[in-house]
PDB file of N, CA and C in Angstrom:
ATOM      1  N   MET A   1     145.329  80.558  97.617  1.00  0.00           N
ATOM      2  CA  MET A   1     145.378  80.120  96.225  1.00  0.00           C
ATOM      3  C   MET A   1     146.696  80.001  95.758  1.00  0.00           C
ATOM      4  N   GLY A   2     147.735  80.732  96.272  1.00  0.00           N
ATOM      5  CA  GLY A   2     149.013  80.666  95.759  1.00  0.00           C
ATOM      6  C   GLY A   2     149.045  81.265  94.400  1.00  0.00           C
ATOM      7  N   SER A   3     150.123  80.871  93.684  1.00  0.00           N
ATOM      8  CA  SER A   3     150.323  81.522  92.307  1.00  0.00           C
ATOM      9  C   SER A   3     149.479  80.838  91.235  1.00  0.00           C
ATOM     10  N   GLU A   4     148.734  79.914  91.527  1.00  0.00           N
ATOM     11  CA  GLU A   4     147.919  79.231  90.425  1.00  0.00           C
ATOM     12  C   GLU A   4     146.631  80.008  90.235  1.00  0.00           C
ATOM     13  N   MET A   5     146.339  80.393  88.932  1.00  0.00           N
ATOM     14  CA  MET A   5     145.080  80.951  88.628  1.00  0.00           C
ATOM     15  C   MET A   5     144.128  79.875  88.269  1.00  0.00           C
ATOM     16  N   CYS A   6     142.866  80.333  88.349  1.00  0.00           N
ATOM     17  CA  CYS A   6     141.836  79.261  88.071  1.00  0.00           C
ATOM     18  C   CYS A   6     140.626  79.838  87.244  1.00  0.00           C
ATOM     19  N   ILE A   7     140.257  79.302  86.160  1.00  0.00           N
ATOM     20  CA  ILE A   7     139.003  79.572  85.574  1.00  0.00           C
ATOM     21  C   ILE A   7     137.985  78.414  85.998  1.00  0.00           C
ATOM     22  N   ARG A   8     137.033  78.827  86.575  1.00  0.00           N
ATOM     23  CA  ARG A   8     135.998  77.894  87.012  1.00  0.00           C
ATOM     24  C   ARG A   8     135.410  76.916  85.916  1.00  0.00           C
ATOM     25  N   ASP A   9     135.025  77.503  84.749  1.00  0.00           N
ATOM     26  CA  ASP A   9     134.476  76.723  83.741  1.00  0.00           C
ATOM     27  C   ASP A   9     134.795  77.301  82.355  1.00  0.00           C
ATOM     28  N   SER A  10     135.178  76.573  81.296  1.00  0.00           N
ATOM     29  CA  SER A  10     135.299  77.075  79.975  1.00  0.00           C
ATOM     30  C   SER A  10     134.391  76.356  79.234  1.00  0.00           C
ATOM     31  N   THR A  11     133.189  76.902  78.784  1.00  0.00           N
ATOM     32  CA  THR A  11     132.357  76.075  77.980  1.00  0.00           C
ATOM     33  C   THR A  11     132.242  76.446  76.468  1.00  0.00           C
ATOM     34  N   ASP A  12     132.450  75.668  75.492  1.00  0.00           N
ATOM     35  CA  ASP A  12     132.216  75.920  74.225  1.00  0.00           C
ATOM     36  C   ASP A  12     130.744  75.761  74.033  1.00  0.00           C
ATOM     37  N   ILE A  13     129.907  76.815  74.033  1.00  0.00           N
ATOM     38  CA  ILE A  13     128.466  76.754  73.966  1.00  0.00           C
ATOM     39  C   ILE A  13     128.040  76.258  72.548  1.00  0.00           C
ATOM     40  N   ALA A  14     128.872  76.344  71.514  1.00  0.00           N
ATOM     41  CA  ALA A  14     128.457  75.888  70.201  1.00  0.00           C
ATOM     42  C   ALA A  14     128.445  74.247  70.225  1.00  0.00           C
ATOM     43  N   ARG A  15     129.205  73.647  71.190  1.00  0.00           N
ATOM     44  CA  ARG A  15     129.345  72.246  71.320  1.00  0.00           C
ATOM     45  C   ARG A  15     128.551  71.704  72.514  1.00  0.00           C
ATOM     46  N   ASP A  16     128.146  72.454  73.362  1.00  0.00           N
ATOM     47  CA  ASP A  16     127.480  72.000  74.704  1.00  0.00           C
ATOM     48  C   ASP A  16     126.308  71.177  74.373  1.00  0.00           C
ATOM     49  N   GLY A  17     126.244  70.021  74.877  1.00  0.00           N
ATOM     50  CA  GLY A  17     125.222  69.063  74.642  1.00  0.00           C
ATOM     51  C   GLY A  17     125.104  68.415  73.455  1.00  0.00           C
ATOM     52  N   ALA A  18     125.951  68.618  72.537  1.00  0.00           N
ATOM     53  CA  ALA A  18     125.987  68.078  71.180  1.00  0.00           C
ATOM     54  C   ALA A  18     126.647  66.778  71.002  1.00  0.00           C
ATOM     55  N   MET A  19     127.466  66.414  72.122  1.00  0.00           N
ATOM     56  CA  MET A  19     128.240  65.155  72.175  1.00  0.00           C
ATOM     57  C   MET A  19     129.067  64.844  70.784  1.00  0.00           C
ATOM     58  N   GLN A  20     129.571  65.981  70.211  1.00  0.00           N
ATOM     59  CA  GLN A  20     130.218  65.694  68.907  1.00  0.00           C
ATOM     60  C   GLN A  20     131.685  66.100  69.085  1.00  0.00           C
ATOM     61  N   GLY A  21     132.226  66.040  70.345  1.00  0.00           N
ATOM     62  CA  GLY A  21     133.614  66.209  70.573  1.00  0.00           C
ATOM     63  C   GLY A  21     133.862  67.617  71.111  1.00  0.00           C
ATOM     64  N   THR A  22     134.761  67.781  72.077  1.00  0.00           N
ATOM     65  CA  THR A  22     135.006  69.095  72.671  1.00  0.00           C
ATOM     66  C   THR A  22     136.263  69.763  71.799  1.00  0.00           C
ATOM     67  N   ASN A  23     136.357  71.017  72.177  1.00  0.00           N
ATOM     68  CA  ASN A  23     137.251  71.858  71.427  1.00  0.00           C
ATOM     69  C   ASN A  23     138.731  71.775  72.107  1.00  0.00           C
ATOM     70  N   LEU A  24     139.301  70.662  71.807  1.00  0.00           N
ATOM     71  CA  LEU A  24     140.702  70.427  72.281  1.00  0.00           C
ATOM     72  C   LEU A  24     141.658  71.468  71.943  1.00  0.00           C
ATOM     73  N   PRO A  25     141.555  72.068  70.774  1.00  0.00           N
ATOM     74  CA  PRO A  25     142.577  73.031  70.530  1.00  0.00           C
ATOM     75  C   PRO A  25     142.605  74.160  71.330  1.00  0.00           C
ATOM     76  N   VAL A  26     141.400  74.558  71.809  1.00  0.00           N
ATOM     77  CA  VAL A  26     141.305  75.646  72.831  1.00  0.00           C
ATOM     78  C   VAL A  26     141.836  75.360  74.193  1.00  0.00           C
ATOM     79  N   TYR A  27     141.707  74.236  74.658  1.00  0.00           N
ATOM     80  CA  TYR A  27     142.294  73.806  75.825  1.00  0.00           C
ATOM     81  C   TYR A  27     143.800  73.567  75.790  1.00  0.00           C
ATOM     82  N   GLU A  28     144.266  73.108  74.603  1.00  0.00           N
ATOM     83  CA  GLU A  28     145.659  73.070  74.366  1.00  0.00           C
ATOM     84  C   GLU A  28     146.334  74.424  74.420  1.00  0.00           C
ATOM     85  N   THR A  29     145.666  75.354  73.727  1.00  0.00           N
ATOM     86  CA  THR A  29     146.113  76.654  73.753  1.00  0.00           C
ATOM     87  C   THR A  29     146.281  77.311  75.009  1.00  0.00           C
ATOM     88  N   LEU A  30     145.258  77.275  75.917  1.00  0.00           N
ATOM     89  CA  LEU A  30     145.271  77.612  77.150  1.00  0.00           C
ATOM     90  C   LEU A  30     146.360  77.082  78.104  1.00  0.00           C
ATOM     91  N   ALA A  31     146.574  75.613  77.975  1.00  0.00           N
ATOM     92  CA  ALA A  31     147.587  75.067  78.581  1.00  0.00           C
ATOM     93  C   ALA A  31     148.892  75.469  78.315  1.00  0.00           C
ATOM     94  N   ARG A  32     149.131  75.712  76.946  1.00  0.00           N
ATOM     95  CA  ARG A  32     150.521  76.162  76.438  1.00  0.00           C
ATOM     96  C   ARG A  32     150.790  77.642  76.897  1.00  0.00           C
ATOM     97  N   GLU A  33     149.760  78.496  76.570  1.00  0.00           N
ATOM     98  CA  GLU A  33     149.936  80.022  76.891  1.00  0.00           C
ATOM     99  C   GLU A  33     149.857  80.449  78.270  1.00  0.00           C
ATOM    100  N   VAL A  34     149.016  79.744  79.065  1.00  0.00           N
ATOM    101  CA  VAL A  34     149.054  80.164  80.404  1.00  0.00           C
ATOM    102  C   VAL A  34     149.219  78.932  81.430  1.00  0.00           C
ATOM    103  N   PRO A  35     150.511  78.436  81.563  1.00  0.00           N
ATOM    104  CA  PRO A  35     150.786  77.301  82.307  1.00  0.00           C
ATOM    105  C   PRO A  35     150.314  77.459  83.866  1.00  0.00           C
ATOM    106  N   GLY A  36     149.690  76.491  84.401  1.00  0.00           N
ATOM    107  CA  GLY A  36     149.197  76.509  85.836  1.00  0.00           C
ATOM    108  C   GLY A  36     147.778  77.055  85.803  1.00  0.00           C
ATOM    109  N   LEU A  37     147.102  77.294  84.721  1.00  0.00           N
ATOM    110  CA  LEU A  37     145.738  77.777  84.646  1.00  0.00           C
ATOM    111  C   LEU A  37     144.803  76.608  84.964  1.00  0.00           C
ATOM    112  N   GLY A  38     144.039  76.570  86.043  1.00  0.00           N
ATOM    113  CA  GLY A  38     143.318  75.615  86.346  1.00  0.00           C
ATOM    114  C   GLY A  38     141.880  75.687  85.510  1.00  0.00           C
ATOM    115  N   VAL A  39     141.698  74.902  84.415  1.00  0.00           N
ATOM    116  CA  VAL A  39     140.521  75.058  83.706  1.00  0.00           C
ATOM    117  C   VAL A  39     139.601  73.667  83.845  1.00  0.00           C
ATOM    118  N   THR A  40     138.293  74.103  83.883  1.00  0.00           N
ATOM    119  CA  THR A  40     137.347  73.114  83.830  1.00  0.00           C
ATOM    120  C   THR A  40     136.739  72.974  82.436  1.00  0.00           C
ATOM    121  N   ALA A  41     137.048  72.010  81.589  1.00  0.00           N
ATOM    122  CA  ALA A  41     136.634  71.865  80.268  1.00  0.00           C
ATOM    123  C   ALA A  41     135.096  71.450  80.225  1.00  0.00           C
ATOM    124  N   SER A  42     134.434  72.043  79.308  1.00  0.00           N
ATOM    125  CA  SER A  42     133.043  71.733  79.163  1.00  0.00           C
ATOM    126  C   SER A  42     132.454  71.990  77.720  1.00  0.00           C
ATOM    127  N   GLY A  43     131.649  71.149  77.194  1.00  0.00           N
ATOM    128  CA  GLY A  43     131.073  71.283  75.933  1.00  0.00           C
ATOM    129  C   GLY A  43     131.354  70.363  74.985  1.00  0.00           C
ATOM    130  N   GLY A  44     130.556  69.297  74.721  1.00  0.00           N
ATOM    131  CA  GLY A  44     130.744  68.475  73.636  1.00  0.00           C
ATOM    132  C   GLY A  44     131.569  67.165  74.038  1.00  0.00           C
ATOM    133  N   ILE A  45     132.014  66.935  75.208  1.00  0.00           N
ATOM    134  CA  ILE A  45     132.695  65.886  75.478  1.00  0.00           C
ATOM    135  C   ILE A  45     132.001  64.525  75.446  1.00  0.00           C
ATOM    136  N   SER A  46     132.585  63.610  74.599  1.00  0.00           N
ATOM    137  CA  SER A  46     131.971  62.459  74.149  1.00  0.00           C
ATOM    138  C   SER A  46     132.675  61.330  74.129  1.00  0.00           C
ATOM    139  N   SER A  47     133.996  61.111  74.415  1.00  0.00           N
ATOM    140  CA  SER A  47     134.752  59.963  74.452  1.00  0.00           C
ATOM    141  C   SER A  47     135.792  59.954  75.511  1.00  0.00           C
ATOM    142  N   LEU A  48     136.165  58.792  75.853  1.00  0.00           N
ATOM    143  CA  LEU A  48     137.237  58.587  76.881  1.00  0.00           C
ATOM    144  C   LEU A  48     138.676  59.224  76.352  1.00  0.00           C
ATOM    145  N   SER A  49     138.878  59.093  74.955  1.00  0.00           N
ATOM    146  CA  SER A  49     140.072  59.587  74.455  1.00  0.00           C
ATOM    147  C   SER A  49     140.198  61.139  74.587  1.00  0.00           C
ATOM    148  N   GLU A  50     138.978  61.838  74.650  1.00  0.00           N
ATOM    149  CA  GLU A  50     139.025  63.273  74.833  1.00  0.00           C
ATOM    150  C   GLU A  50     139.371  63.493  76.506  1.00  0.00           C
ATOM    151  N   ILE A  51     138.884  62.697  77.325  1.00  0.00           N
ATOM    152  CA  ILE A  51     139.148  62.776  78.739  1.00  0.00           C
ATOM    153  C   ILE A  51     140.650  62.578  78.947  1.00  0.00           C
ATOM    154  N   ARG A  52     141.184  61.592  78.350  1.00  0.00           N
ATOM    155  CA  ARG A  52     142.650  61.341  78.451  1.00  0.00           C
ATOM    156  C   ARG A  52     143.455  62.467  77.923  1.00  0.00           C
ATOM    157  N   ALA A  53     143.110  63.115  76.881  1.00  0.00           N
ATOM    158  CA  ALA A  53     143.725  64.211  76.160  1.00  0.00           C
ATOM    159  C   ALA A  53     143.695  65.457  77.092  1.00  0.00           C
ATOM    160  N   LEU A  54     142.543  65.717  77.691  1.00  0.00           N
ATOM    161  CA  LEU A  54     142.322  66.751  78.556  1.00  0.00           C
ATOM    162  C   LEU A  54     143.305  66.611  79.842  1.00  0.00           C
ATOM    163  N   ALA A  55     143.269  65.425  80.488  1.00  0.00           N
ATOM    164  CA  ALA A  55     144.043  65.035  81.690  1.00  0.00           C
ATOM    165  C   ALA A  55     145.506  65.232  81.265  1.00  0.00           C
ATOM    166  N   ALA A  56     145.893  64.791  80.056  1.00  0.00           N
ATOM    167  CA  ALA A  56     147.324  64.822  79.684  1.00  0.00           C
ATOM    168  C   ALA A  56     147.875  66.357  79.547  1.00  0.00           C
ATOM    169  N   MET A  57     146.945  67.237  79.147  1.00  0.00           N
ATOM    170  CA  MET A  57     147.439  68.648  78.960  1.00  0.00           C
ATOM    171  C   MET A  57     147.143  69.492  80.350  1.00  0.00           C
ATOM    172  N   GLY A  58     146.769  68.988  81.416  1.00  0.00           N
ATOM    173  CA  GLY A  58     146.674  69.416  82.577  1.00  0.00           C
ATOM    174  C   GLY A  58     145.399  70.189  82.908  1.00  0.00           C
ATOM    175  N   THR A  59     144.372  69.911  82.213  1.00  0.00           N
ATOM    176  CA  THR A  59     143.090  70.409  82.504  1.00  0.00           C
ATOM    177  C   THR A  59     142.578  69.875  83.910  1.00  0.00           C
ATOM    178  N   LYS A  60     142.202  70.661  84.819  1.00  0.00           N
ATOM    179  CA  LYS A  60     141.808  70.386  86.214  1.00  0.00           C
ATOM    180  C   LYS A  60     140.658  69.538  86.300  1.00  0.00           C
ATOM    181  N   ALA A  61     139.657  69.782  85.447  1.00  0.00           N
ATOM    182  CA  ALA A  61     138.413  69.039  85.555  1.00  0.00           C
ATOM    183  C   ALA A  61     137.627  69.079  84.259  1.00  0.00           C
ATOM    184  N   ALA A  62     136.656  68.212  84.044  1.00  0.00           N
ATOM    185  CA  ALA A  62     135.775  68.155  82.778  1.00  0.00           C
ATOM    186  C   ALA A  62     134.382  68.001  83.194  1.00  0.00           C
ATOM    187  N   ILE A  63     133.475  68.695  82.472  1.00  0.00           N
ATOM    188  CA  ILE A  63     131.948  68.406  82.736  1.00  0.00           C
ATOM    189  C   ILE A  63     131.554  67.468  81.584  1.00  0.00           C
ATOM    190  N   VAL A  64     131.019  66.309  82.049  1.00  0.00           N
ATOM    191  CA  VAL A  64     130.592  65.271  81.102  1.00  0.00           C
ATOM    192  C   VAL A  64     129.181  64.921  81.268  1.00  0.00           C
ATOM    193  N   GLY A  65     128.307  65.962  81.584  1.00  0.00           N
ATOM    194  CA  GLY A  65     126.942  65.636  82.022  1.00  0.00           C
ATOM    195  C   GLY A  65     126.097  64.776  81.030  1.00  0.00           C
ATOM    196  N   LYS A  66     126.001  65.336  79.974  1.00  0.00           N
ATOM    197  CA  LYS A  66     125.041  64.627  78.976  1.00  0.00           C
ATOM    198  C   LYS A  66     125.736  63.232  78.463  1.00  0.00           C
ATOM    199  N   ALA A  67     126.896  63.036  78.385  1.00  0.00           N
ATOM    200  CA  ALA A  67     127.642  61.838  78.068  1.00  0.00           C
ATOM    201  C   ALA A  67     127.307  60.771  79.092  1.00  0.00           C
ATOM    202  N   VAL A  68     127.271  61.130  80.359  1.00  0.00           N
ATOM    203  CA  VAL A  68     127.005  60.250  81.470  1.00  0.00           C
ATOM    204  C   VAL A  68     125.553  60.010  81.477  1.00  0.00           C
ATOM    205  N   TYR A  69     124.828  61.029  81.345  1.00  0.00           N
ATOM    206  CA  TYR A  69     123.443  60.982  81.563  1.00  0.00           C
ATOM    207  C   TYR A  69     122.764  60.089  80.498  1.00  0.00           C
ATOM    208  N   THR A  70     123.153  60.093  79.376  1.00  0.00           N
ATOM    209  CA  THR A  70     122.653  59.286  78.186  1.00  0.00           C
ATOM    210  C   THR A  70     123.211  57.953  78.239  1.00  0.00           C
ATOM    211  N   GLY A  71     124.197  57.747  78.988  1.00  0.00           N
ATOM    212  CA  GLY A  71     124.941  56.486  79.084  1.00  0.00           C
ATOM    213  C   GLY A  71     125.971  56.146  77.894  1.00  0.00           C
ATOM    214  N   ALA A  72     126.344  57.247  77.221  1.00  0.00           N
ATOM    215  CA  ALA A  72     127.439  57.185  76.263  1.00  0.00           C
ATOM    216  C   ALA A  72     128.684  56.837  76.979  1.00  0.00           C
ATOM    217  N   LEU A  73     128.864  57.543  78.102  1.00  0.00           N
ATOM    218  CA  LEU A  73     130.140  57.229  78.957  1.00  0.00           C
ATOM    219  C   LEU A  73     129.716  56.677  80.375  1.00  0.00           C
ATOM    220  N   ALA A  74     130.356  55.737  80.959  1.00  0.00           N
ATOM    221  CA  ALA A  74     130.080  55.434  82.299  1.00  0.00           C
ATOM    222  C   ALA A  74     131.005  56.199  83.224  1.00  0.00           C
ATOM    223  N   LEU A  75     130.559  56.668  84.371  1.00  0.00           N
ATOM    224  CA  LEU A  75     131.454  57.540  85.272  1.00  0.00           C
ATOM    225  C   LEU A  75     132.650  56.808  85.691  1.00  0.00           C
ATOM    226  N   PRO A  76     132.676  55.536  86.048  1.00  0.00           N
ATOM    227  CA  PRO A  76     133.846  54.901  86.493  1.00  0.00           C
ATOM    228  C   PRO A  76     134.944  54.855  85.374  1.00  0.00           C
ATOM    229  N   ASP A  77     134.515  54.774  84.140  1.00  0.00           N
ATOM    230  CA  ASP A  77     135.448  54.852  82.965  1.00  0.00           C
ATOM    231  C   ASP A  77     135.964  56.234  82.794  1.00  0.00           C
ATOM    232  N   VAL A  78     135.188  57.170  83.006  1.00  0.00           N
ATOM    233  CA  VAL A  78     135.665  58.682  82.828  1.00  0.00           C
ATOM    234  C   VAL A  78     136.641  58.936  83.919  1.00  0.00           C
ATOM    235  N   LEU A  79     136.387  58.418  85.190  1.00  0.00           N
ATOM    236  CA  LEU A  79     137.294  58.703  86.349  1.00  0.00           C
ATOM    237  C   LEU A  79     138.653  58.082  85.978  1.00  0.00           C
ATOM    238  N   ALA A  80     138.633  56.659  85.577  1.00  0.00           N
ATOM    239  CA  ALA A  80     139.932  56.017  85.174  1.00  0.00           C
ATOM    240  C   ALA A  80     140.611  56.639  84.088  1.00  0.00           C
ATOM    241  N   ALA A  81     139.940  57.137  83.071  1.00  0.00           N
ATOM    242  CA  ALA A  81     140.617  57.764  81.997  1.00  0.00           C
ATOM    243  C   ALA A  81     141.198  59.212  82.354  1.00  0.00           C
ATOM    244  N   ALA A  82     140.679  59.751  83.475  1.00  0.00           N
ATOM    245  CA  ALA A  82     141.174  60.931  83.903  1.00  0.00           C
ATOM    246  C   ALA A  82     142.268  60.671  84.897  1.00  0.00           C
ATOM    247  N   GLY A  83     142.551  59.403  85.308  1.00  0.00           N
ATOM    248  CA  GLY A  83     143.483  59.045  86.249  1.00  0.00           C
ATOM    249  C   GLY A  83     143.070  59.230  87.680  1.00  0.00           C
ATOM    250  N   GLU A  84     141.799  59.318  87.949  1.00  0.00           N
ATOM    251  CA  GLU A  84     141.116  59.537  89.222  1.00  0.00           C
ATOM    252  C   GLU A  84     140.567  58.225  89.840  1.00  0.00           C
ATOM    253  N   GLU A  85     141.038  57.039  89.385  1.00  0.00           N
ATOM    254  CA  GLU A  85     140.518  55.867  89.770  1.00  0.00           C
ATOM    255  C   GLU A  85     140.253  55.768  91.329  1.00  0.00           C
TER     256      GLU A  85
END
């Protein structure tokens, strides 16, 4: 694993499944305060702009279950927004 630390999943349970936006400030703080921390963002992700923002701040992964399940986001679009085309 080297010098990189990893958090498997950071879920904002107040936003989980609500599709009203993820808690970007929490992930921004983690990225700033603990560089190299591998975070999987989860809870409320509902837009491609959020995926782009999470990718830009170095978030390692994002759980987009309900957004994809309901058709609000298409998986190919999510992967493209994350830079994983």
